Amino acid sequence: MRATTGTVTGPRRALALGRAELTLLGRNRTALSMTLLMPALMIYAMRAGAQQVDLGRSGMSLKEVTMTGAFGYVLIFCVYYNLMSAYTARREELVLKRLRTGEAGDLEILAGTALPSVLIALVQCVLLVVAGVTWLGMPLPARPELLVAGVLLGVVVLTALAAASTAFARSSESAQLAAMPLAMVSLLGSGIFVPLDLFPEALARVCEVLPLTGVVQLVREGWLGGAGAGGVLAHLGAALVWVGLGVFAVRRWFRWEPRR
């Protein structure tokens, strides 16, 4: 990947690309509705499903599981799903190739394309905290720095994995199907829907290494508290490992020109 040139104009170019991408997102009603509405619908479905699960051993109430797991839904649908479609569509339309011939560096192009989806996800995460505290009577985040770290690491991990996963998609439509395996594994195995404490021990250990598990645990500990330093460091380490793997995957497999 090419290095970004310039220290002042780089962020400005990324913001300009972000504004253009936001305009395109606003014109795509399907993508916009999925970005804005799908997380809320999935949270409602998750709450209904979680009512059938015995949460006693997890030490969390239904609303605590639902609201903290909701961050994972927002990240998957607003960031991962949306960006897989966006990166694939821009690649097939030769937009990425044309941008790459100009002054913008690779990081600026990828970041600018991701900016609208990331901002929408961050706003929805803030609204989750506000709704949880004011509407559901949940406590204020016990360790807000962990919650913020979890969300930001999740954004970076899923942005990188979305870009890398476009290697398996030939069009923006097929990108939706290509995104399903990682999304489903994360939804079922990262503690979003069912806390890992309720899994058999062997299965829980396998699920601990999934891309979003560390992120979900950081968010959960950041809002509800209770984790020791060792657990926090383990979750941070797992998330950072996936950041590194995601960056490596982008460098290795991301394509800037249409697939033939």
Protein backbone atom coordinates (compact mmCIF):
# COMPACT_ATOMS: atom_id res chain seq x y z
CA MET A 1 0.00 0.00 0.00
CA ARG A 2 1.23 3.48 -0.77
CA ALA A 3 2.21 5.85 2.00
CA THR A 4 0.12 8.92 2.68
CA THR A 5 1.81 12.18 1.68
CA GLY A 6 1.46 15.36 3.63
CA THR A 7 0.61 15.91 7.27
CA VAL A 8 -1.98 18.68 6.95
CA THR A 9 -3.71 17.96 3.66
CA GLY A 10 -4.08 14.23 4.37
CA PRO A 11 -6.92 14.57 6.90
CA ARG A 12 -8.58 17.19 4.70
CA ARG A 13 -8.56 14.83 1.74
CA ALA A 14 -9.99 12.05 3.89
CA LEU A 15 -12.77 14.39 5.09
CA ALA A 16 -13.53 15.41 1.52
CA LEU A 17 -13.81 11.76 0.51
CA GLY A 18 -15.99 11.17 3.56
CA ARG A 19 -18.39 13.95 2.55
CA ALA A 20 -18.67 12.49 -0.95
CA GLU A 21 -19.29 9.02 0.49
CA LEU A 22 -21.96 10.40 2.82
CA THR A 23 -23.75 11.89 -0.20
CA LEU A 24 -23.66 8.51 -1.95
CA LEU A 25 -24.90 6.76 1.18
CA GLY A 26 -27.82 9.18 1.41
CA ARG A 27 -28.81 8.33 -2.17
CA ASN A 28 -28.71 4.59 -1.51
CA ARG A 29 -31.91 4.03 0.44
CA THR A 30 -31.28 0.32 0.95
CA ALA A 31 -27.86 0.84 2.48
CA LEU A 32 -29.07 3.81 4.52
CA SER A 33 -32.05 1.92 5.94
CA MET A 34 -29.85 -1.05 6.85
CA THR A 35 -27.36 1.26 8.54
CA LEU A 36 -29.99 3.12 10.56
CA LEU A 37 -32.76 0.60 11.19
CA MET A 38 -31.23 -2.88 11.19
CA PRO A 39 -29.38 -2.50 14.51
CA ALA A 40 -32.61 -1.40 16.26
CA LEU A 41 -34.55 -4.30 14.75
CA MET A 42 -31.88 -6.81 15.69
CA ILE A 43 -31.68 -5.46 19.24
CA TYR A 44 -35.43 -5.97 19.59
CA ALA A 45 -35.11 -9.51 18.24
CA MET A 46 -32.16 -10.19 20.54
CA ARG A 47 -34.11 -9.04 23.59
CA ALA A 48 -37.00 -11.35 22.70
CA GLY A 49 -34.61 -14.27 22.20
CA ALA A 50 -32.62 -13.58 25.36
CA GLN A 51 -35.80 -13.91 27.40
CA GLN A 52 -35.63 -17.63 26.68
CA VAL A 53 -32.09 -17.91 28.07
CA ASP A 54 -31.33 -18.51 31.74
CA LEU A 55 -29.00 -15.62 32.53
CA GLY A 56 -28.52 -16.51 36.18
CA ARG A 57 -24.95 -17.81 35.82
CA SER A 58 -23.88 -14.73 33.86
CA GLY A 59 -24.59 -12.35 36.74
CA MET A 60 -26.33 -9.96 34.34
CA SER A 61 -29.93 -8.97 33.85
CA LEU A 62 -31.76 -9.14 30.53
CA LYS A 63 -31.44 -5.41 29.90
CA GLU A 64 -27.71 -5.47 30.72
CA VAL A 65 -27.07 -8.29 28.26
CA THR A 66 -29.25 -6.65 25.61
CA MET A 67 -27.87 -3.14 25.85
CA THR A 68 -24.20 -4.09 26.06
CA GLY A 69 -24.56 -6.68 23.30
CA ALA A 70 -26.26 -4.04 21.16
CA PHE A 71 -22.90 -2.37 20.59
CA GLY A 72 -21.81 -5.47 18.70
CA TYR A 73 -24.90 -5.30 16.49
CA VAL A 74 -24.26 -1.65 15.70
CA LEU A 75 -20.63 -2.32 14.78
CA ILE A 76 -21.48 -5.31 12.59
CA PHE A 77 -24.32 -3.71 10.64
CA CYS A 78 -23.19 -0.07 10.52
CA VAL A 79 -19.49 -0.71 9.97
CA TYR A 80 -18.81 -4.21 8.66
CA TYR A 81 -21.84 -4.83 6.45
CA ASN A 82 -22.04 -1.30 5.09
CA LEU A 83 -18.33 -0.94 4.38
CA MET A 84 -18.06 -4.28 2.61
CA SER A 85 -20.70 -3.05 0.16
CA ALA A 86 -19.15 0.42 -0.13
CA TYR A 87 -15.58 -0.77 -0.73
CA THR A 88 -16.74 -3.38 -3.24
CA ALA A 89 -18.97 -0.95 -5.13
CA ARG A 90 -16.26 1.72 -5.34
CA ARG A 91 -13.75 -0.86 -6.53
CA GLU A 92 -16.03 -2.21 -9.27
CA GLU A 93 -16.93 1.33 -10.38
CA LEU A 94 -13.19 2.12 -10.74
CA VAL A 95 -13.52 4.88 -8.13
CA LEU A 96 -10.74 3.46 -5.97
CA LYS A 97 -8.44 3.07 -8.95
CA ARG A 98 -8.98 6.68 -10.03
CA LEU A 99 -8.50 8.00 -6.50
CA ARG A 100 -5.27 6.06 -6.22
CA THR A 101 -3.81 7.87 -9.24
CA GLY A 102 -4.19 11.20 -7.45
CA GLU A 103 -2.56 12.66 -4.35
CA ALA A 104 -4.59 10.71 -1.80
CA GLY A 105 -2.76 7.88 -0.07
CA ASP A 106 -4.20 4.43 0.47
CA LEU A 107 -5.04 5.09 4.11
CA GLU A 108 -6.81 8.34 3.22
CA ILE A 109 -8.94 6.57 0.61
CA LEU A 110 -9.93 3.75 2.92
CA ALA A 111 -10.54 6.08 5.88
CA GLY A 112 -12.52 8.59 3.82
CA THR A 113 -14.78 5.86 2.46
CA ALA A 114 -15.33 4.50 5.97
CA LEU A 115 -15.95 7.86 7.64
CA PRO A 116 -19.77 8.15 7.24
CA SER A 117 -20.44 4.59 8.42
CA VAL A 118 -18.09 5.01 11.36
CA LEU A 119 -19.70 8.30 12.44
CA ILE A 120 -23.19 6.78 12.25
CA ALA A 121 -22.02 3.83 14.35
CA LEU A 122 -20.47 6.12 16.97
CA VAL A 123 -23.63 8.22 17.20
CA GLN A 124 -25.73 5.10 17.66
CA CYS A 125 -23.38 3.87 20.40
CA VAL A 126 -23.79 7.18 22.24
CA LEU A 127 -27.57 6.89 21.88
CA LEU A 128 -27.45 3.38 23.34
CA VAL A 129 -25.81 4.68 26.50
CA VAL A 130 -28.24 7.59 26.75
CA ALA A 131 -31.25 5.31 26.22
CA GLY A 132 -29.95 2.72 28.67
CA VAL A 133 -29.39 5.26 31.44
CA THR A 134 -32.45 7.49 30.95
CA TRP A 135 -35.04 5.02 29.69
CA LEU A 136 -34.06 1.64 31.15
CA GLY A 137 -32.60 2.92 34.41
CA MET A 138 -29.16 1.38 33.89
CA PRO A 139 -26.21 2.89 35.79
CA LEU A 140 -23.75 5.24 34.18
CA PRO A 141 -20.74 3.44 32.65
CA ALA A 142 -18.51 2.23 35.48
CA ARG A 143 -15.35 2.59 33.40
CA PRO A 144 -16.11 4.79 30.39
CA GLU A 145 -12.52 4.58 29.15
CA LEU A 146 -12.92 0.83 28.60
CA LEU A 147 -16.24 1.31 26.85
CA VAL A 148 -14.73 3.91 24.51
CA ALA A 149 -11.66 1.74 23.90
CA GLY A 150 -13.86 -1.24 23.06
CA VAL A 151 -15.96 0.72 20.58
CA LEU A 152 -12.96 2.32 18.86
CA LEU A 153 -11.08 -0.97 18.62
CA GLY A 154 -14.21 -2.59 17.23
CA VAL A 155 -14.47 0.12 14.58
CA VAL A 156 -10.85 -0.41 13.52
CA VAL A 157 -11.11 -4.22 13.50
CA LEU A 158 -14.32 -4.34 11.49
CA THR A 159 -13.22 -1.62 9.07
CA ALA A 160 -10.06 -3.58 8.31
CA LEU A 161 -11.91 -6.90 8.05
CA ALA A 162 -14.56 -5.32 5.82
CA ALA A 163 -11.87 -4.08 3.44
CA ALA A 164 -10.05 -7.43 3.44
CA SER A 165 -13.27 -9.41 2.97
CA THR A 166 -14.05 -7.61 -0.28
CA ALA A 167 -11.61 -10.05 -1.88
CA PHE A 168 -14.47 -12.58 -1.74
CA ALA A 169 -17.09 -10.29 -3.34
CA ARG A 170 -17.59 -9.49 -7.01
CA SER A 171 -20.34 -6.88 -6.54
CA SER A 172 -21.98 -4.85 -3.79
CA GLU A 173 -24.86 -7.32 -3.82
CA SER A 174 -22.62 -10.36 -3.35
CA ALA A 175 -20.77 -8.46 -0.62
CA GLN A 176 -23.86 -8.82 1.57
CA LEU A 177 -23.62 -12.61 1.24
CA ALA A 178 -19.85 -12.61 1.69
CA ALA A 179 -20.27 -10.68 4.95
CA MET A 180 -22.61 -13.24 6.48
CA PRO A 181 -20.12 -15.87 7.76
CA LEU A 182 -18.11 -13.51 9.95
CA ALA A 183 -21.24 -11.63 11.02
CA MET A 184 -23.11 -14.78 12.06
CA VAL A 185 -20.12 -16.27 13.88
CA SER A 186 -19.63 -12.99 15.76
CA LEU A 187 -23.32 -12.64 16.64
CA LEU A 188 -23.54 -16.19 17.98
CA GLY A 189 -20.10 -16.70 19.46
CA SER A 190 -18.72 -13.36 20.66
CA GLY A 191 -21.02 -12.95 23.65
CA ILE A 192 -23.33 -10.51 21.91
CA PHE A 193 -26.44 -12.65 22.15
CA VAL A 194 -25.47 -15.10 24.92
CA PRO A 195 -22.71 -14.28 27.46
CA LEU A 196 -19.72 -16.61 27.20
CA ASP A 197 -20.23 -17.58 30.87
CA LEU A 198 -23.22 -19.65 29.73
CA PHE A 199 -21.24 -21.62 27.13
CA PRO A 200 -19.53 -24.94 27.85
CA GLU A 201 -15.96 -24.23 28.92
CA ALA A 202 -14.32 -25.71 25.81
CA LEU A 203 -16.63 -23.78 23.48
CA ALA A 204 -16.16 -20.56 25.45
CA ARG A 205 -12.38 -20.80 25.03
CA VAL A 206 -12.76 -21.14 21.28
CA CYS A 207 -15.14 -18.18 21.15
CA GLU A 208 -12.70 -16.03 23.10
CA VAL A 209 -10.46 -15.78 20.03
CA LEU A 210 -13.17 -14.53 17.66
CA PRO A 211 -12.68 -11.02 16.20
CA LEU A 212 -15.35 -9.25 18.26
CA THR A 213 -15.14 -11.14 21.56
CA GLY A 214 -12.52 -8.88 23.11
CA VAL A 215 -14.41 -5.80 21.92
CA VAL A 216 -17.73 -6.97 23.37
CA GLN A 217 -16.10 -7.86 26.68
CA LEU A 218 -14.42 -4.46 26.90
CA VAL A 219 -17.73 -2.70 26.24
CA ARG A 220 -19.49 -4.88 28.81
CA GLU A 221 -16.83 -4.31 31.46
CA GLY A 222 -16.72 -0.61 30.63
CA TRP A 223 -20.43 -0.19 31.26
CA LEU A 224 -21.05 -2.70 34.04
CA GLY A 225 -17.61 -2.95 35.66
CA GLY A 226 -16.40 -5.90 37.71
CA ALA A 227 -13.37 -7.07 35.73
CA GLY A 228 -9.92 -7.25 37.23
CA ALA A 229 -6.80 -5.86 35.61
CA GLY A 230 -5.85 -9.27 34.22
CA GLY A 231 -9.18 -9.71 32.45
CA VAL A 232 -9.10 -6.20 31.01
CA LEU A 233 -5.58 -6.69 29.66
CA ALA A 234 -6.58 -10.01 28.12
CA HIS A 235 -9.53 -8.41 26.32
CA LEU A 236 -7.39 -5.47 25.17
CA GLY A 237 -4.73 -7.85 23.94
CA ALA A 238 -7.24 -9.94 21.99
CA ALA A 239 -8.69 -6.85 20.31
CA LEU A 240 -5.25 -5.48 19.44
CA VAL A 241 -4.22 -8.81 17.93
CA TRP A 242 -7.22 -8.62 15.62
CA VAL A 243 -6.32 -5.04 14.70
CA GLY A 244 -2.91 -6.33 13.60
CA LEU A 245 -4.42 -9.27 11.73
CA GLY A 246 -6.92 -6.97 10.03
CA VAL A 247 -4.22 -4.57 8.85
CA PHE A 248 -2.15 -7.49 7.56
CA ALA A 249 -5.17 -8.89 5.72
CA VAL A 250 -5.87 -5.54 4.03
CA ARG A 251 -2.27 -5.24 2.87
CA ARG A 252 -2.26 -8.81 1.61
CA TRP A 253 -5.68 -9.25 -0.02
CA PHE A 254 -7.40 -5.91 -0.62
CA ARG A 255 -7.86 -5.24 -4.34
CA TRP A 256 -7.96 -1.77 -5.81
CA GLU A 257 -9.15 -2.84 -9.27
CA PRO A 258 -12.27 -4.76 -10.33
CA ARG A 259 -12.28 -8.53 -10.10
CA ARG A 260 -12.30 -10.28 -13.46
